[in-house]
Protein backbone atom coordinates (compact mmCIF):
# COMPACT_ATOMS: atom_id res chain seq x y z
CA UNK A 1 -55.49 26.79 -2.82
CA UNK A 2 -51.72 26.72 -3.17
CA UNK A 3 -48.90 29.42 -1.86
CA UNK A 4 -47.36 28.76 -5.34
CA UNK A 5 -50.29 30.49 -7.45
CA UNK A 6 -50.88 34.01 -6.17
CA UNK A 7 -54.64 34.69 -6.75
CA UNK A 8 -55.69 39.00 -6.51
CA UNK A 9 -59.00 40.60 -7.17
CA UNK A 10 -58.82 44.32 -7.57
CA UNK A 11 -60.94 46.57 -9.70
CA UNK A 12 -62.11 44.09 -12.06
CA UNK A 13 -58.97 41.83 -12.52
CA UNK A 14 -58.07 39.04 -11.28
CA UNK A 15 -54.32 38.66 -11.01
CA UNK A 16 -53.00 34.95 -11.18
CA UNK A 17 -49.27 35.02 -10.57
CA UNK A 18 -47.34 31.73 -10.42
CA UNK A 19 -45.14 31.69 -7.78
CA UNK A 20 -42.57 28.83 -7.94
CA UNK A 21 -39.50 30.77 -9.27
CA UNK A 22 -36.94 28.22 -7.85
CA UNK A 23 -37.94 25.82 -10.09
CA UNK A 24 -39.01 28.48 -13.02
CA UNK A 25 -42.51 28.13 -12.25
CA UNK A 26 -42.60 24.83 -13.42
CA UNK A 27 -46.49 23.95 -12.91
CA UNK A 28 -47.26 21.08 -10.50
CA UNK A 29 -50.75 19.16 -10.41
CA UNK A 30 -51.56 21.64 -7.35
CA UNK A 31 -51.11 24.62 -9.23
CA UNK A 32 -53.12 23.41 -11.96
CA UNK A 33 -55.83 22.89 -9.74
CA UNK A 34 -55.46 26.23 -8.16
CA UNK A 35 -55.55 28.19 -11.80
CA UNK A 36 -58.66 25.84 -12.90
CA UNK A 37 -60.48 26.66 -9.82
CA UNK A 38 -60.32 30.48 -10.46
CA UNK A 39 -60.64 30.67 -14.18
CA UNK A 40 -63.59 28.41 -13.72
CA UNK A 41 -64.76 30.90 -10.42
CA UNK A 42 -64.28 33.80 -12.63
CA UNK A 43 -66.83 32.89 -15.22
CA UNK A 44 -69.96 33.60 -12.46
CA UNK A 45 -68.23 36.32 -10.69
CA UNK A 46 -69.42 39.86 -11.51
CA UNK A 47 -66.73 41.41 -9.47
CA UNK A 48 -64.35 39.87 -12.39
CA UNK A 49 -64.01 41.70 -15.80
CA UNK A 50 -60.47 40.55 -16.58
CA UNK A 51 -57.90 37.83 -16.07
CA UNK A 52 -54.15 38.36 -15.96
CA UNK A 53 -51.54 35.63 -15.69
CA UNK A 54 -48.19 36.31 -14.74
CA UNK A 55 -45.40 34.59 -13.55
CA UNK A 56 -42.94 35.92 -10.54
CA UNK A 57 -39.30 35.47 -11.15
CA UNK A 58 -37.29 35.38 -13.92
CA UNK A 59 -39.45 32.81 -16.08
CA UNK A 60 -43.14 32.64 -17.17
CA UNK A 61 -43.14 29.45 -16.83
CA UNK A 62 -41.16 26.38 -17.40
CA UNK A 63 -44.02 24.42 -18.54
CA UNK A 64 -45.13 20.98 -16.82
CA UNK A 65 -43.33 19.94 -13.54
CA UNK A 66 -40.95 16.77 -15.29
CA UNK A 67 -40.95 15.16 -11.99
CA UNK A 68 -44.95 14.75 -12.09
CA UNK A 69 -44.53 13.74 -15.82
CA UNK A 70 -41.84 10.91 -15.11
CA UNK A 71 -44.63 9.73 -12.43
CA UNK A 72 -47.36 9.74 -14.69
CA UNK A 73 -45.35 7.77 -17.50
CA UNK A 74 -43.93 5.42 -14.55
CA UNK A 75 -47.51 4.71 -13.50
CA UNK A 76 -46.95 5.97 -10.09
CA UNK A 77 -49.07 8.91 -10.02
CA UNK A 78 -52.23 8.72 -8.27
CA UNK A 79 -55.49 11.17 -8.06
CA UNK A 80 -56.92 13.86 -10.46
CA UNK A 81 -54.82 15.72 -12.81
CA UNK A 82 -55.85 18.98 -12.91
CA UNK A 83 -54.17 19.67 -16.44
CA UNK A 84 -56.91 18.50 -18.08
CA UNK A 85 -59.49 21.27 -15.94
CA UNK A 86 -56.87 24.30 -16.67
CA UNK A 87 -56.58 23.79 -20.27
CA UNK A 88 -60.54 23.37 -20.72
CA UNK A 89 -60.76 26.40 -18.44
CA UNK A 90 -58.91 28.23 -21.05
CA UNK A 91 -60.78 26.93 -24.17
CA UNK A 92 -64.05 27.84 -22.23
CA UNK A 93 -63.53 31.16 -20.72
CA UNK A 94 -65.92 34.07 -21.93
CA UNK A 95 -63.98 36.39 -20.12
CA UNK A 96 -60.70 38.30 -21.44
CA UNK A 97 -57.40 36.52 -20.65
CA UNK A 98 -54.17 38.88 -20.59
CA UNK A 99 -50.70 37.32 -20.25
CA UNK A 100 -47.21 39.08 -18.82
CA UNK A 101 -44.66 36.75 -20.18
CA UNK A 102 -40.82 37.25 -19.27
CA UNK A 103 -38.46 34.68 -19.69
CA UNK A 104 -39.02 30.83 -20.57
CA UNK A 105 -42.28 29.81 -21.97
CA UNK A 106 -42.12 26.27 -22.04
CA UNK A 107 -44.88 23.81 -23.70
CA UNK A 108 -48.01 25.16 -21.95
CA UNK A 109 -46.42 27.95 -21.18
CA UNK A 110 -46.59 28.79 -24.82
CA UNK A 111 -49.68 27.13 -25.64
CA UNK A 112 -51.89 28.61 -22.85
CA UNK A 113 -50.90 31.81 -24.63
CA UNK A 114 -53.14 30.97 -27.75
CA UNK A 115 -56.13 31.34 -25.45
CA UNK A 116 -55.28 35.03 -24.42
CA UNK A 117 -56.75 37.47 -25.81
CA UNK A 118 -53.66 39.87 -25.05
CA UNK A 119 -50.11 38.52 -24.62
CA UNK A 120 -47.51 41.13 -23.87
CA UNK A 121 -43.65 39.66 -23.97
CA UNK A 122 -40.93 41.06 -22.18
CA UNK A 123 -37.60 41.38 -24.57
CA UNK A 124 -36.11 38.58 -22.96
CA UNK A 125 -39.05 35.95 -23.75
CA UNK A 126 -38.11 32.75 -25.23
CA UNK A 127 -41.33 30.40 -26.29
CA UNK A 128 -41.06 26.52 -26.95
CA UNK A 129 -43.26 23.68 -27.32
CA UNK A 130 -40.70 20.41 -27.02
CA UNK A 131 -43.69 18.01 -26.86
CA UNK A 132 -42.25 15.52 -29.63
CA UNK A 133 -38.82 16.05 -27.87
CA UNK A 134 -40.21 14.60 -24.57
CA UNK A 135 -41.97 11.43 -26.71
CA UNK A 136 -45.82 13.71 -26.30
CA UNK A 137 -47.88 15.40 -28.15
CA UNK A 138 -49.24 18.60 -28.54
CA UNK A 139 -51.70 19.73 -25.97
CA UNK A 140 -54.42 22.67 -25.22
CA UNK A 141 -55.99 22.75 -28.82
CA UNK A 142 -52.69 23.97 -30.07
CA UNK A 143 -52.75 21.36 -32.70
CA UNK A 144 -54.82 23.56 -34.64
CA UNK A 145 -54.89 26.81 -32.66
CA UNK A 146 -51.01 27.40 -33.60
CA UNK A 147 -51.05 26.29 -37.49
CA UNK A 148 -54.21 29.06 -37.63
CA UNK A 149 -52.49 31.44 -36.08
CA UNK A 150 -48.77 30.97 -37.82
CA UNK A 151 -49.10 28.62 -40.82
CA UNK A 152 -48.52 24.88 -41.00
CA UNK A 153 -44.89 25.03 -41.68
CA UNK A 154 -43.97 26.98 -38.43
CA UNK A 155 -46.04 25.49 -36.26
CA UNK A 156 -44.86 21.81 -37.48
CA UNK A 157 -41.32 23.02 -37.15
CA UNK A 158 -41.91 24.77 -33.66
CA UNK A 159 -43.46 21.58 -32.42
CA UNK A 160 -41.16 18.72 -33.92
CA UNK A 161 -38.23 20.59 -33.45
CA UNK A 162 -39.02 22.31 -29.93
CA UNK A 163 -36.39 25.41 -30.44
CA UNK A 164 -37.26 28.64 -28.91
CA UNK A 165 -38.17 31.40 -30.88
CA UNK A 166 -37.66 34.86 -29.47
CA UNK A 167 -40.06 37.75 -28.64
CA UNK A 168 -39.49 39.32 -31.64
CA UNK A 169 -40.21 36.68 -33.52
CA UNK A 170 -42.71 35.89 -31.87
CA UNK A 171 -44.66 39.35 -32.42
CA UNK A 172 -44.07 39.09 -36.29
CA UNK A 173 -45.81 35.81 -36.02
CA UNK A 174 -48.50 37.00 -34.13
CA UNK A 175 -48.38 35.32 -30.64
CA UNK A 176 -48.15 38.72 -29.03
CA UNK A 177 -49.70 41.81 -29.20
CA UNK A 178 -46.40 43.84 -27.54
CA UNK A 179 -42.96 43.40 -26.84
CA UNK A 180 -41.81 45.59 -24.05
CA UNK A 181 -38.47 46.07 -21.85
CA UNK A 182 -38.58 43.56 -19.30
CA UNK A 183 -38.80 46.45 -16.63
CA UNK A 184 -41.93 47.80 -18.45
CA UNK A 185 -43.64 44.28 -19.00
CA UNK A 186 -46.18 44.18 -15.84
CA UNK A 187 -46.72 48.10 -16.10
CA UNK A 188 -47.96 47.25 -19.61
CA UNK A 189 -49.73 44.25 -19.33
CA UNK A 190 -51.80 45.80 -16.28
CA UNK A 191 -52.59 48.93 -18.21
CA UNK A 192 -53.80 46.68 -21.19
CA UNK A 193 -55.81 44.62 -18.27
CA UNK A 194 -57.39 47.90 -16.61
CA UNK A 195 -58.33 49.22 -20.09
CA UNK A 196 -60.07 45.76 -20.72
CA UNK A 197 -62.02 46.31 -17.73
CA UNK A 198 -63.27 49.46 -18.39
CA UNK A 199 -64.42 48.56 -21.72
CA UNK A 200 -68.79 47.04 -21.55
CA UNK A 201 -68.18 43.71 -20.77
CA UNK A 202 -70.91 42.08 -22.37
CA UNK A 203 -69.74 43.34 -25.77
CA UNK A 204 -66.28 41.92 -24.76
CA UNK A 205 -68.02 38.07 -24.25
CA UNK A 206 -69.99 38.20 -27.17
CA UNK A 207 -66.97 39.23 -29.31
CA UNK A 208 -64.96 36.61 -27.95
CA UNK A 209 -67.78 34.20 -28.30
CA UNK A 210 -68.27 35.25 -32.05
CA UNK A 211 -64.39 34.83 -32.79
CA UNK A 212 -63.80 31.47 -30.75
CA UNK A 213 -65.53 28.07 -30.35
CA UNK A 214 -65.04 26.99 -26.92
CA UNK A 215 -66.74 23.62 -27.60
CA UNK A 216 -64.34 22.81 -30.50
CA UNK A 217 -61.52 23.84 -28.47
CA UNK A 218 -62.26 21.51 -25.85
CA UNK A 219 -63.33 18.61 -28.24
CA UNK A 220 -60.16 18.98 -29.78
CA UNK A 221 -58.34 18.95 -26.28
CA UNK A 222 -59.88 15.76 -25.85
CA UNK A 223 -58.58 14.08 -28.93
CA UNK A 224 -55.06 15.42 -28.16
CA UNK A 225 -55.50 14.46 -24.06
CA UNK A 226 -56.29 10.66 -25.39
CA UNK A 227 -53.16 10.61 -27.41
CA UNK A 228 -50.60 12.72 -24.87
CA UNK A 229 -52.00 10.16 -22.05
CA UNK A 230 -51.36 7.06 -24.51
CA UNK A 231 -47.44 8.82 -25.31
CA UNK A 232 -46.70 9.53 -21.66
CA UNK A 233 -46.75 5.67 -20.93
CA UNK A 234 -44.80 4.63 -23.69
CA UNK A 235 -41.45 3.35 -24.28
CA UNK A 236 -40.39 6.24 -26.14
CA UNK A 237 -41.43 8.84 -23.15
CA UNK A 238 -39.74 7.06 -19.99
CA UNK A 239 -36.69 6.65 -22.15
CA UNK A 240 -36.84 10.48 -22.68
CA UNK A 241 -37.64 11.50 -19.04
CA UNK A 242 -35.00 9.09 -18.00
CA UNK A 243 -32.41 10.45 -20.17
CA UNK A 244 -33.71 13.89 -18.82
CA UNK A 245 -32.99 12.43 -14.97
CA UNK A 246 -29.73 11.17 -16.05
CA UNK A 247 -28.18 14.68 -18.42
CA UNK A 248 -27.64 12.64 -21.07
CA UNK A 249 -29.32 12.89 -25.13
CA UNK A 250 -32.04 10.56 -25.38
CA UNK A 251 -31.84 7.30 -27.46
CA UNK A 252 -35.08 7.03 -29.44
CA UNK A 253 -33.74 4.25 -32.02
CA UNK A 254 -33.20 1.86 -29.23
CA UNK A 255 -36.96 1.68 -27.82
CA UNK A 256 -38.70 2.26 -31.68
């Protein structure tokens, strides 16, 4: 448990709130662990019918904490990395997932939305997946889910160039169900979660299983994970993180 993830259960809805607003809700290993525990626990909790994921402050999440990324890249990280448990829990989740997204949704902040059954974006939302810019590869089975959702050309550009897309574009591409004013975001997402909570859970779970192959998604995550770990320890990744720390453009040509 961590104070940076608020876990609230009420009226069939498990609300998970990212609470690290001073760091744009960048996800630490401890936060990943708390999220994974909550989502895994919900599977066998009859009191949970829907899971709602939201962020506190002006951003949904800036993605992985780059300081922890850099520690792994330099070989200084120790202990279990809970990000794998978290993304696997998303892939295997059978109960409906709803997301409320404002401001920046970077990296896993965007790829986790591919596992959410209903996504509500605030008008100021900006989605980006700058994995390649950090000398990494996509994760959370996004290497297959993103092309399936928006087409290969758009998905490759999103990954390869890492440029953010606005909420209206994300909606047009099929990455979200609603775009609402910022001050209506939480109310809209909560209302949708409440509607789902009133639906027959057995039918929702069965429908989701028919529409999504959890085993296939986890298998893809494992394949991505092998490449991700190798890339994270590469010279290119070290250059990317060093450049970020030094506030300069990376020079990948010198480590090619």
